[in-house]
């Protein structure tokens, strides 16, 4: 799974200040105003609910 690979890479790179969470882009499993950055590559265009993605 990609999330396992991401966690492994972060650990190998000594990046302790990152989290990886699996979820649907329209309803990410994070509380409001608790995230500094979300990195998404080639995903936004796949969602039919772009209004929810960018909310």
PDB file of N, CA and C in Angstrom:
ATOM      1  N   UNK A   1       0.827  -1.185   0.000  1.00  0.00           N
ATOM      2  CA  UNK A   1       0.000   0.000   0.000  1.00  0.00           C
ATOM      3  C   UNK A   1       0.871   1.248   0.000  1.00  0.00           C
ATOM      4  N   UNK A   2       0.423   2.280  -0.684  1.00  0.00           N
ATOM      5  CA  UNK A   2       1.201   3.511  -0.805  1.00  0.00           C
ATOM      6  C   UNK A   2       1.382   4.223   0.534  1.00  0.00           C
ATOM      7  N   UNK A   3       0.392   4.162   1.388  1.00  0.00           N
ATOM      8  CA  UNK A   3       0.515   4.860   2.673  1.00  0.00           C
ATOM      9  C   UNK A   3       1.594   4.221   3.538  1.00  0.00           C
ATOM     10  N   UNK A   4       1.737   2.915   3.454  1.00  0.00           N
ATOM     11  CA  UNK A   4       2.805   2.230   4.181  1.00  0.00           C
ATOM     12  C   UNK A   4       4.167   2.638   3.647  1.00  0.00           C
ATOM     13  N   UNK A   5       4.285   2.763   2.342  1.00  0.00           N
ATOM     14  CA  UNK A   5       5.538   3.186   1.710  1.00  0.00           C
ATOM     15  C   UNK A   5       5.882   4.618   2.114  1.00  0.00           C
ATOM     16  N   UNK A   6       4.883   5.490   2.158  1.00  0.00           N
ATOM     17  CA  UNK A   6       5.110   6.879   2.567  1.00  0.00           C
ATOM     18  C   UNK A   6       5.597   6.948   4.011  1.00  0.00           C
ATOM     19  N   UNK A   7       4.988   6.174   4.886  1.00  0.00           N
ATOM     20  CA  UNK A   7       5.419   6.153   6.288  1.00  0.00           C
ATOM     21  C   UNK A   7       6.839   5.620   6.414  1.00  0.00           C
ATOM     22  N   UNK A   8       7.152   4.602   5.651  1.00  0.00           N
ATOM     23  CA  UNK A   8       8.502   4.036   5.661  1.00  0.00           C
ATOM     24  C   UNK A   8       9.521   5.068   5.178  1.00  0.00           C
ATOM     25  N   UNK A   9       9.204   5.762   4.104  1.00  0.00           N
ATOM     26  CA  UNK A   9      10.116   6.782   3.583  1.00  0.00           C
ATOM     27  C   UNK A   9      10.315   7.917   4.578  1.00  0.00           C
ATOM     28  N   UNK A  10       9.259   8.336   5.251  1.00  0.00           N
ATOM     29  CA  UNK A  10       9.382   9.396   6.250  1.00  0.00           C
ATOM     30  C   UNK A  10      10.258   8.945   7.413  1.00  0.00           C
ATOM     31  N   UNK A  11      10.085   7.714   7.825  1.00  0.00           N
ATOM     32  CA  UNK A  11      10.899   7.170   8.906  1.00  0.00           C
ATOM     33  C   UNK A  11      12.361   7.067   8.495  1.00  0.00           C
ATOM     34  N   UNK A  12      12.599   6.573   7.306  1.00  0.00           N
ATOM     35  CA  UNK A  12      13.975   6.447   6.808  1.00  0.00           C
ATOM     36  C   UNK A  12      14.646   7.802   6.632  1.00  0.00           C
ATOM     37  N   UNK A  13      13.868   8.822   6.343  1.00  0.00           N
ATOM     38  CA  UNK A  13      14.405  10.162   6.164  1.00  0.00           C
ATOM     39  C   UNK A  13      14.430  10.975   7.445  1.00  0.00           C
ATOM     40  N   UNK A  14      14.075  10.362   8.560  1.00  0.00           N
ATOM     41  CA  UNK A  14      14.044  11.028   9.868  1.00  0.00           C
ATOM     42  C   UNK A  14      13.099  12.230   9.898  1.00  0.00           C
ATOM     43  N   UNK A  15      11.971  12.108   9.212  1.00  0.00           N
ATOM     44  CA  UNK A  15      10.951  13.154   9.238  1.00  0.00           C
ATOM     45  C   UNK A  15       9.907  12.773  10.279  1.00  0.00           C
ATOM     46  N   UNK A  16      10.021  13.349  11.464  1.00  0.00           N
ATOM     47  CA  UNK A  16       9.114  12.994  12.547  1.00  0.00           C
ATOM     48  C   UNK A  16       7.895  13.886  12.660  1.00  0.00           C
ATOM     49  N   UNK A  17       7.846  14.944  11.858  1.00  0.00           N
ATOM     50  CA  UNK A  17       6.752  15.907  11.988  1.00  0.00           C
ATOM     51  C   UNK A  17       5.734  15.788  10.860  1.00  0.00           C
ATOM     52  N   UNK A  18       5.540  14.585  10.340  1.00  0.00           N
ATOM     53  CA  UNK A  18       4.563  14.362   9.274  1.00  0.00           C
ATOM     54  C   UNK A  18       3.612  13.238   9.673  1.00  0.00           C
ATOM     55  N   UNK A  19       2.415  13.293   9.132  1.00  0.00           N
ATOM     56  CA  UNK A  19       1.432  12.228   9.322  1.00  0.00           C
ATOM     57  C   UNK A  19       0.847  11.870   7.972  1.00  0.00           C
ATOM     58  N   UNK A  20       0.505  10.625   7.810  1.00  0.00           N
ATOM     59  CA  UNK A  20      -0.157  10.154   6.599  1.00  0.00           C
ATOM     60  C   UNK A  20      -1.480   9.540   7.020  1.00  0.00           C
ATOM     61  N   UNK A  21      -2.553   9.966   6.362  1.00  0.00           N
ATOM     62  CA  UNK A  21      -3.880   9.458   6.699  1.00  0.00           C
ATOM     63  C   UNK A  21      -4.592   9.025   5.432  1.00  0.00           C
ATOM     64  N   UNK A  22      -5.272   7.936   5.527  1.00  0.00           N
ATOM     65  CA  UNK A  22      -6.040   7.407   4.414  1.00  0.00           C
ATOM     66  C   UNK A  22      -7.483   7.869   4.550  1.00  0.00           C
ATOM     67  N   UNK A  23      -8.023   8.435   3.481  1.00  0.00           N
ATOM     68  CA  UNK A  23      -9.399   8.898   3.537  1.00  0.00           C
ATOM     69  C   UNK A  23      -9.888   9.330   2.172  1.00  0.00           C
ATOM     70  N   UNK A  24     -11.140   9.686   2.101  1.00  0.00           N
ATOM     71  CA  UNK A  24     -11.716  10.196   0.860  1.00  0.00           C
ATOM     72  C   UNK A  24     -11.457  11.689   0.782  1.00  0.00           C
ATOM     73  N   UNK A  25     -11.049  12.154  -0.381  1.00  0.00           N
ATOM     74  CA  UNK A  25     -10.634  13.542  -0.526  1.00  0.00           C
ATOM     75  C   UNK A  25     -11.749  14.537  -0.219  1.00  0.00           C
ATOM     76  N   UNK A  26     -12.993  14.133  -0.392  1.00  0.00           N
ATOM     77  CA  UNK A  26     -14.116  15.027  -0.091  1.00  0.00           C
ATOM     78  C   UNK A  26     -14.380  15.158   1.409  1.00  0.00           C
ATOM     79  N   UNK A  27     -13.846  14.266   2.206  1.00  0.00           N
ATOM     80  CA  UNK A  27     -14.072  14.287   3.655  1.00  0.00           C
ATOM     81  C   UNK A  27     -12.844  13.726   4.361  1.00  0.00           C
ATOM     82  N   UNK A  28     -11.767  14.484   4.342  1.00  0.00           N
ATOM     83  CA  UNK A  28     -10.525  14.008   4.952  1.00  0.00           C
ATOM     84  C   UNK A  28     -10.682  13.856   6.464  1.00  0.00           C
ATOM     85  N   UNK A  29     -10.043  12.837   7.036  1.00  0.00           N
ATOM     86  CA  UNK A  29     -10.189  12.570   8.467  1.00  0.00           C
ATOM     87  C   UNK A  29      -9.296  13.471   9.324  1.00  0.00           C
ATOM     88  N   UNK A  30      -9.538  14.787   9.260  1.00  0.00           N
ATOM     89  CA  UNK A  30      -8.799  15.748  10.084  1.00  0.00           C
ATOM     90  C   UNK A  30      -9.775  16.812  10.584  1.00  0.00           C
ATOM     91  N   UNK A  31      -9.499  17.331  11.754  1.00  0.00           N
ATOM     92  CA  UNK A  31     -10.343  18.394  12.305  1.00  0.00           C
ATOM     93  C   UNK A  31     -10.053  19.714  11.592  1.00  0.00           C
ATOM     94  N   UNK A  32     -11.041  20.586  11.536  1.00  0.00           N
ATOM     95  CA  UNK A  32     -10.875  21.900  10.918  1.00  0.00           C
ATOM     96  C   UNK A  32      -9.756  22.679  11.603  1.00  0.00           C
ATOM     97  N   UNK A  33      -8.994  23.419  10.808  1.00  0.00           N
ATOM     98  CA  UNK A  33      -7.938  24.321  11.283  1.00  0.00           C
ATOM     99  C   UNK A  33      -6.818  23.607  12.036  1.00  0.00           C
ATOM    100  N   UNK A  34      -6.545  22.338  11.702  1.00  0.00           N
ATOM    101  CA  UNK A  34      -5.465  21.605  12.371  1.00  0.00           C
ATOM    102  C   UNK A  34      -4.360  21.174  11.417  1.00  0.00           C
ATOM    103  N   UNK A  35      -4.465  21.550  10.151  1.00  0.00           N
ATOM    104  CA  UNK A  35      -3.509  21.083   9.145  1.00  0.00           C
ATOM    105  C   UNK A  35      -2.804  22.276   8.523  1.00  0.00           C
ATOM    106  N   UNK A  36      -1.478  22.184   8.390  1.00  0.00           N
ATOM    107  CA  UNK A  36      -0.708  23.238   7.744  1.00  0.00           C
ATOM    108  C   UNK A  36      -0.653  23.046   6.235  1.00  0.00           C
ATOM    109  N   UNK A  37      -0.461  21.800   5.790  1.00  0.00           N
ATOM    110  CA  UNK A  37      -0.296  21.519   4.363  1.00  0.00           C
ATOM    111  C   UNK A  37      -0.893  20.156   4.036  1.00  0.00           C
ATOM    112  N   UNK A  38      -1.550  20.085   2.896  1.00  0.00           N
ATOM    113  CA  UNK A  38      -1.973  18.805   2.333  1.00  0.00           C
ATOM    114  C   UNK A  38      -1.376  18.726   0.942  1.00  0.00           C
ATOM    115  N   UNK A  39      -0.670  17.658   0.676  1.00  0.00           N
ATOM    116  CA  UNK A  39      -0.072  17.459  -0.642  1.00  0.00           C
ATOM    117  C   UNK A  39      -0.865  16.382  -1.363  1.00  0.00           C
ATOM    118  N   UNK A  40      -1.349  16.727  -2.533  1.00  0.00           N
ATOM    119  CA  UNK A  40      -2.132  15.808  -3.348  1.00  0.00           C
ATOM    120  C   UNK A  40      -1.645  15.921  -4.777  1.00  0.00           C
ATOM    121  N   UNK A  41      -1.364  14.809  -5.391  1.00  0.00           N
ATOM    122  CA  UNK A  41      -0.833  14.817  -6.748  1.00  0.00           C
ATOM    123  C   UNK A  41      -1.782  14.069  -7.683  1.00  0.00           C
ATOM    124  N   UNK A  42      -2.343  14.784  -8.647  1.00  0.00           N
ATOM    125  CA  UNK A  42      -3.202  14.181  -9.682  1.00  0.00           C
ATOM    126  C   UNK A  42      -4.445  13.510  -9.101  1.00  0.00           C
ATOM    127  N   UNK A  43      -5.094  14.165  -8.141  1.00  0.00           N
ATOM    128  CA  UNK A  43      -6.275  13.583  -7.519  1.00  0.00           C
ATOM    129  C   UNK A  43      -7.490  14.500  -7.625  1.00  0.00           C
ATOM    130  N   UNK A  44      -7.301  15.794  -7.479  1.00  0.00           N
ATOM    131  CA  UNK A  44      -8.433  16.726  -7.444  1.00  0.00           C
ATOM    132  C   UNK A  44      -9.335  16.598  -8.658  1.00  0.00           C
ATOM    133  N   UNK A  45      -8.747  16.395  -9.811  1.00  0.00           N
ATOM    134  CA  UNK A  45      -9.545  16.298 -11.040  1.00  0.00           C
ATOM    135  C   UNK A  45     -10.421  15.049 -11.083  1.00  0.00           C
ATOM    136  N   UNK A  46     -10.157  14.065 -10.253  1.00  0.00           N
ATOM    137  CA  UNK A  46     -10.924  12.821 -10.258  1.00  0.00           C
ATOM    138  C   UNK A  46     -12.217  12.917  -9.452  1.00  0.00           C
ATOM    139  N   UNK A  47     -12.336  13.925  -8.625  1.00  0.00           N
ATOM    140  CA  UNK A  47     -13.514  14.052  -7.771  1.00  0.00           C
ATOM    141  C   UNK A  47     -14.645  14.787  -8.479  1.00  0.00           C
ATOM    142  N   UNK A  48     -15.850  14.225  -8.458  1.00  0.00           N
ATOM    143  CA  UNK A  48     -16.996  14.937  -9.028  1.00  0.00           C
ATOM    144  C   UNK A  48     -17.495  16.050  -8.100  1.00  0.00           C
ATOM    145  N   UNK A  49     -17.012  16.078  -6.852  1.00  0.00           N
ATOM    146  CA  UNK A  49     -17.463  17.068  -5.852  1.00  0.00           C
ATOM    147  C   UNK A  49     -16.328  18.021  -5.496  1.00  0.00           C
ATOM    148  N   UNK A  50     -15.842  18.742  -6.477  1.00  0.00           N
ATOM    149  CA  UNK A  50     -14.715  19.645  -6.261  1.00  0.00           C
ATOM    150  C   UNK A  50     -15.019  20.711  -5.212  1.00  0.00           C
ATOM    151  N   UNK A  51     -16.279  21.090  -5.068  1.00  0.00           N
ATOM    152  CA  UNK A  51     -16.649  22.062  -4.041  1.00  0.00           C
ATOM    153  C   UNK A  51     -16.335  21.534  -2.651  1.00  0.00           C
ATOM    154  N   UNK A  52     -16.516  20.241  -2.428  1.00  0.00           N
ATOM    155  CA  UNK A  52     -16.206  19.616  -1.131  1.00  0.00           C
ATOM    156  C   UNK A  52     -14.709  19.452  -0.945  1.00  0.00           C
ATOM    157  N   UNK A  53     -14.003  19.161  -2.021  1.00  0.00           N
ATOM    158  CA  UNK A  53     -12.557  18.978  -1.943  1.00  0.00           C
ATOM    159  C   UNK A  53     -11.884  20.278  -1.517  1.00  0.00           C
ATOM    160  N   UNK A  54     -12.321  21.381  -2.077  1.00  0.00           N
ATOM    161  CA  UNK A  54     -11.673  22.668  -1.836  1.00  0.00           C
ATOM    162  C   UNK A  54     -12.267  23.433  -0.660  1.00  0.00           C
ATOM    163  N   UNK A  55     -13.224  22.849   0.024  1.00  0.00           N
ATOM    164  CA  UNK A  55     -13.860  23.533   1.168  1.00  0.00           C
ATOM    165  C   UNK A  55     -12.949  23.544   2.376  1.00  0.00           C
TER     166      UNK A  55
END
